[in-house]
Structure formats: C-alpha cells, structure tokens
Amino acid sequence: MKVRASVKKMCEFCRTVKRRGRVYVLCTSNPKHKQRQGISTFASEGTLPPVYASLLA
C-alpha cells in the first residue's frame, strides 16, 4: 500500500473509500494501485524514554 498526500484513481477499476477519517483507493484488478491518504504519526506520538530525554537536555 502506498501512503501519499494526494491519492488518485489509477485505472477504471479503482474505487475511493473513506474509512475512519482516512481516504483509501482500492483496486480489484491491480493490487499495486492500493493507496492511503495521510502521513504516519507513530514517530511523533508519546514521550521519550529517560535515557534519550537526558541526551537531548
């Protein structure tokens, strides 16, 4: 699955679906056309462990 800022239909079989606040493009003919709109925010969530927090201070 490709994660992009802007998703577009790539062929006639692609369809746009909105689930859980995200826009997806799903394709029945070519699985390489699967796309999701947005960015991954896992790296920016939460706090740093004490070992790394002391290095940045």
N, C-alpha and C. Protein backbone atom coordinates (compact mmCIF):
# COMPACT_ATOMS: atom_id res chain seq x y z
N MET A 1 0.84 -1.18 0.00
CA MET A 1 0.00 0.00 0.00
C MET A 1 0.88 1.24 0.00
N LYS A 2 0.55 2.16 -0.88
CA LYS A 2 1.27 3.42 -0.95
C LYS A 2 0.60 4.43 -0.02
N VAL A 3 1.39 5.21 0.70
CA VAL A 3 0.87 6.28 1.55
C VAL A 3 1.26 7.59 0.90
N ARG A 4 0.26 8.37 0.54
CA ARG A 4 0.50 9.61 -0.21
C ARG A 4 -0.29 10.76 0.36
N ALA A 5 0.16 11.97 0.04
CA ALA A 5 -0.57 13.17 0.44
C ALA A 5 -1.81 13.35 -0.43
N SER A 6 -1.72 12.92 -1.68
CA SER A 6 -2.84 13.04 -2.61
C SER A 6 -3.05 11.70 -3.30
N VAL A 7 -4.21 11.10 -3.12
CA VAL A 7 -4.49 9.81 -3.75
C VAL A 7 -5.37 10.03 -4.98
N LYS A 8 -5.10 9.25 -6.02
CA LYS A 8 -5.85 9.37 -7.27
C LYS A 8 -6.15 7.98 -7.80
N LYS A 9 -7.26 7.87 -8.50
CA LYS A 9 -7.59 6.61 -9.16
C LYS A 9 -6.63 6.41 -10.32
N MET A 10 -6.09 5.19 -10.45
CA MET A 10 -5.10 4.93 -11.49
C MET A 10 -5.70 4.20 -12.69
N CYS A 11 -6.86 3.55 -12.50
CA CYS A 11 -7.49 2.85 -13.62
C CYS A 11 -9.00 2.86 -13.41
N GLU A 12 -9.71 2.25 -14.32
CA GLU A 12 -11.18 2.26 -14.25
C GLU A 12 -11.72 1.39 -13.12
N PHE A 13 -10.92 0.46 -12.60
CA PHE A 13 -11.38 -0.44 -11.55
C PHE A 13 -11.09 0.08 -10.14
N CYS A 14 -10.33 1.16 -10.03
CA CYS A 14 -10.03 1.75 -8.72
C CYS A 14 -11.28 2.42 -8.17
N ARG A 15 -11.46 2.30 -6.85
CA ARG A 15 -12.58 2.98 -6.21
C ARG A 15 -12.10 3.68 -4.95
N THR A 16 -12.71 4.81 -4.65
CA THR A 16 -12.34 5.61 -3.50
C THR A 16 -13.25 5.26 -2.33
N VAL A 17 -12.63 5.03 -1.16
CA VAL A 17 -13.38 4.66 0.04
C VAL A 17 -12.88 5.52 1.19
N LYS A 18 -13.79 6.00 2.04
CA LYS A 18 -13.40 6.76 3.22
C LYS A 18 -13.72 5.92 4.45
N ARG A 19 -12.69 5.58 5.22
CA ARG A 19 -12.86 4.77 6.43
C ARG A 19 -12.07 5.41 7.57
N ARG A 20 -12.71 5.55 8.71
CA ARG A 20 -12.07 6.07 9.93
C ARG A 20 -11.35 7.39 9.69
N GLY A 21 -11.94 8.24 8.87
CA GLY A 21 -11.37 9.55 8.62
C GLY A 21 -10.22 9.58 7.63
N ARG A 22 -9.93 8.46 7.00
CA ARG A 22 -8.86 8.40 6.01
C ARG A 22 -9.44 8.03 4.66
N VAL A 23 -8.82 8.51 3.60
CA VAL A 23 -9.26 8.21 2.24
C VAL A 23 -8.37 7.11 1.68
N TYR A 24 -9.00 6.06 1.16
CA TYR A 24 -8.29 4.93 0.57
C TYR A 24 -8.69 4.80 -0.89
N VAL A 25 -7.77 4.28 -1.70
CA VAL A 25 -8.09 3.86 -3.06
C VAL A 25 -7.84 2.37 -3.12
N LEU A 26 -8.87 1.60 -3.45
CA LEU A 26 -8.78 0.15 -3.56
C LEU A 26 -9.04 -0.24 -5.00
N CYS A 27 -8.33 -1.26 -5.46
CA CYS A 27 -8.45 -1.67 -6.85
C CYS A 27 -8.69 -3.18 -6.92
N THR A 28 -9.66 -3.58 -7.72
CA THR A 28 -9.98 -5.00 -7.86
C THR A 28 -9.11 -5.68 -8.91
N SER A 29 -8.55 -4.90 -9.85
CA SER A 29 -7.78 -5.52 -10.93
C SER A 29 -6.28 -5.55 -10.65
N ASN A 30 -5.75 -4.52 -9.99
CA ASN A 30 -4.31 -4.45 -9.75
C ASN A 30 -4.04 -4.06 -8.30
N PRO A 31 -3.54 -4.98 -7.47
CA PRO A 31 -3.29 -4.66 -6.06
C PRO A 31 -2.23 -3.57 -5.85
N LYS A 32 -1.40 -3.31 -6.86
CA LYS A 32 -0.39 -2.27 -6.72
C LYS A 32 -1.00 -0.87 -6.70
N HIS A 33 -2.27 -0.75 -7.02
CA HIS A 33 -2.93 0.55 -7.03
C HIS A 33 -3.46 0.96 -5.66
N LYS A 34 -3.31 0.10 -4.64
CA LYS A 34 -3.82 0.44 -3.30
C LYS A 34 -3.07 1.65 -2.75
N GLN A 35 -3.85 2.61 -2.23
CA GLN A 35 -3.27 3.83 -1.67
C GLN A 35 -4.03 4.26 -0.43
N ARG A 36 -3.31 4.99 0.44
CA ARG A 36 -3.94 5.59 1.61
C ARG A 36 -3.47 7.02 1.71
N GLN A 37 -4.40 7.91 2.06
CA GLN A 37 -4.04 9.31 2.19
C GLN A 37 -3.65 9.61 3.62
N GLY A 38 -2.58 10.39 3.79
CA GLY A 38 -2.16 10.79 5.11
C GLY A 38 -0.71 10.47 5.36
N ILE A 39 -0.26 10.79 6.60
CA ILE A 39 1.12 10.51 6.99
C ILE A 39 1.11 9.66 8.24
N SER A 40 2.18 8.95 8.47
CA SER A 40 2.32 8.14 9.67
C SER A 40 2.81 9.01 10.80
N THR A 41 2.12 9.00 11.94
CA THR A 41 2.49 9.85 13.07
C THR A 41 2.99 9.06 14.25
N PHE A 42 3.35 7.80 14.05
CA PHE A 42 3.82 6.97 15.16
C PHE A 42 5.10 7.53 15.77
N ALA A 43 5.98 8.08 14.99
CA ALA A 43 7.26 8.57 15.49
C ALA A 43 7.08 9.80 16.37
N SER A 44 6.05 10.58 16.15
CA SER A 44 5.89 11.82 16.91
C SER A 44 4.97 11.66 18.12
N GLU A 45 4.38 10.50 18.32
CA GLU A 45 3.48 10.30 19.45
C GLU A 45 4.25 9.86 20.68
N GLY A 46 3.72 10.21 21.84
CA GLY A 46 4.29 9.73 23.10
C GLY A 46 5.50 10.55 23.54
N THR A 47 6.11 10.06 24.62
CA THR A 47 7.27 10.74 25.19
C THR A 47 8.51 9.90 24.99
N LEU A 48 9.65 10.53 25.15
CA LEU A 48 10.92 9.82 25.01
C LEU A 48 11.25 9.05 26.28
N PRO A 49 11.89 7.90 26.19
CA PRO A 49 12.36 7.20 27.38
C PRO A 49 13.39 8.06 28.10
N PRO A 50 13.58 7.87 29.42
CA PRO A 50 14.50 8.72 30.19
C PRO A 50 15.93 8.73 29.64
N VAL A 51 16.38 7.63 29.05
CA VAL A 51 17.74 7.57 28.52
C VAL A 51 17.93 8.60 27.41
N TYR A 52 16.97 8.69 26.49
CA TYR A 52 17.08 9.61 25.37
C TYR A 52 16.73 11.04 25.78
N ALA A 53 15.85 11.20 26.74
CA ALA A 53 15.48 12.53 27.20
C ALA A 53 16.67 13.24 27.82
N SER A 54 17.53 12.50 28.54
CA SER A 54 18.70 13.11 29.17
C SER A 54 19.73 13.53 28.12
N LEU A 55 19.79 12.85 26.99
CA LEU A 55 20.73 13.22 25.94
C LEU A 55 20.34 14.52 25.26
N LEU A 56 19.05 14.78 25.16
CA LEU A 56 18.57 15.99 24.49
C LEU A 56 18.59 17.21 25.39
N ALA A 57 18.62 17.01 26.70
CA ALA A 57 18.56 18.13 27.64
C ALA A 57 19.89 18.84 27.79
